[in-house]
Amino acid sequence: MAKFSMSVSIRRVQNDSNMFEFMIATPTLKSQFILPRSQINKLRILIERALTNK
């Protein structure tokens, strides 16, 4: 498998405690999203399911 470099960060939006900035960066691409807390929770659940599936 090839080595793949990726950075993921999440931070709370300063003026709204229910909004989060979600950023994914690779050497060739950077994607940035502003997501509400409900979407971040759904994303967390999907990641946990994928990691715990046999």
C-alpha atoms as a PDB file:
ATOM      1  CA  MET A   1       0.000   0.000   0.000  1.00  0.00           C
ATOM      2  CA  ALA A   2       1.294   3.460  -0.908  1.00  0.00           C
ATOM      3  CA  LYS A   3       2.043   5.983   1.799  1.00  0.00           C
ATOM      4  CA  PHE A   4      -0.593   8.719   1.932  1.00  0.00           C
ATOM      5  CA  SER A   5      -0.245  12.006   3.789  1.00  0.00           C
ATOM      6  CA  MET A   6      -3.388  13.692   5.094  1.00  0.00           C
ATOM      7  CA  SER A   7      -4.166  16.212   7.802  1.00  0.00           C
ATOM      8  CA  VAL A   8      -7.594  16.532   9.425  1.00  0.00           C
ATOM      9  CA  SER A   9      -8.583  19.286  11.828  1.00  0.00           C
ATOM     10  CA  ILE A  10     -11.765  20.429  13.524  1.00  0.00           C
ATOM     11  CA  ARG A  11     -12.280  23.656  15.426  1.00  0.00           C
ATOM     12  CA  ARG A  12     -15.288  25.452  16.831  1.00  0.00           C
ATOM     13  CA  VAL A  13     -16.415  28.577  14.955  1.00  0.00           C
ATOM     14  CA  GLN A  14     -15.712  31.538  17.195  1.00  0.00           C
ATOM     15  CA  ASN A  15     -19.129  33.249  17.074  1.00  0.00           C
ATOM     16  CA  ASP A  16     -21.336  30.129  17.094  1.00  0.00           C
ATOM     17  CA  SER A  17     -20.762  27.254  19.513  1.00  0.00           C
ATOM     18  CA  ASN A  18     -22.868  24.875  17.375  1.00  0.00           C
ATOM     19  CA  MET A  19     -20.840  25.336  14.171  1.00  0.00           C
ATOM     20  CA  PHE A  20     -17.469  23.725  13.444  1.00  0.00           C
ATOM     21  CA  GLU A  21     -14.815  24.231  10.798  1.00  0.00           C
ATOM     22  CA  PHE A  22     -13.739  20.855   9.425  1.00  0.00           C
ATOM     23  CA  MET A  23     -10.607  20.834   7.251  1.00  0.00           C
ATOM     24  CA  ILE A  24      -8.953  18.013   5.312  1.00  0.00           C
ATOM     25  CA  ALA A  25      -5.611  18.684   3.628  1.00  0.00           C
ATOM     26  CA  THR A  26      -3.409  16.540   1.400  1.00  0.00           C
ATOM     27  CA  PRO A  27      -0.306  17.617  -0.525  1.00  0.00           C
ATOM     28  CA  THR A  28      -2.492  18.340  -3.586  1.00  0.00           C
ATOM     29  CA  LEU A  29      -5.892  19.288  -2.166  1.00  0.00           C
ATOM     30  CA  LYS A  30      -7.397  21.231   0.725  1.00  0.00           C
ATOM     31  CA  SER A  31     -11.119  21.044   1.558  1.00  0.00           C
ATOM     32  CA  GLN A  32     -12.744  23.153   4.218  1.00  0.00           C
ATOM     33  CA  PHE A  33     -16.328  22.884   5.482  1.00  0.00           C
ATOM     34  CA  ILE A  34     -18.411  24.700   8.057  1.00  0.00           C
ATOM     35  CA  LEU A  35     -20.668  22.066   9.612  1.00  0.00           C
ATOM     36  CA  PRO A  36     -23.317  22.184  12.350  1.00  0.00           C
ATOM     37  CA  ARG A  37     -22.907  20.067  15.477  1.00  0.00           C
ATOM     38  CA  SER A  38     -25.553  17.579  14.252  1.00  0.00           C
ATOM     39  CA  GLN A  39     -23.554  16.816  11.082  1.00  0.00           C
ATOM     40  CA  ILE A  40     -20.322  16.406  13.063  1.00  0.00           C
ATOM     41  CA  ASN A  41     -22.121  13.901  15.330  1.00  0.00           C
ATOM     42  CA  LYS A  42     -23.409  11.952  12.311  1.00  0.00           C
ATOM     43  CA  LEU A  43     -19.889  11.900  10.860  1.00  0.00           C
ATOM     44  CA  ARG A  44     -18.495  10.635  14.175  1.00  0.00           C
ATOM     45  CA  ILE A  45     -21.050   7.814  14.262  1.00  0.00           C
ATOM     46  CA  LEU A  46     -20.225   6.783  10.674  1.00  0.00           C
ATOM     47  CA  ILE A  47     -16.496   6.726  11.448  1.00  0.00           C
ATOM     48  CA  GLU A  48     -17.034   4.660  14.621  1.00  0.00           C
ATOM     49  CA  ARG A  49     -19.185   2.152  12.710  1.00  0.00           C
ATOM     50  CA  ALA A  50     -16.580   1.785   9.970  1.00  0.00           C
ATOM     51  CA  LEU A  51     -13.795   1.266  12.517  1.00  0.00           C
ATOM     52  CA  THR A  52     -15.682  -1.316  14.575  1.00  0.00           C
ATOM     53  CA  ASN A  53     -17.173  -3.351  11.682  1.00  0.00           C
ATOM     54  CA  LYS A  54     -15.663  -6.792  11.277  1.00  0.00           C
END
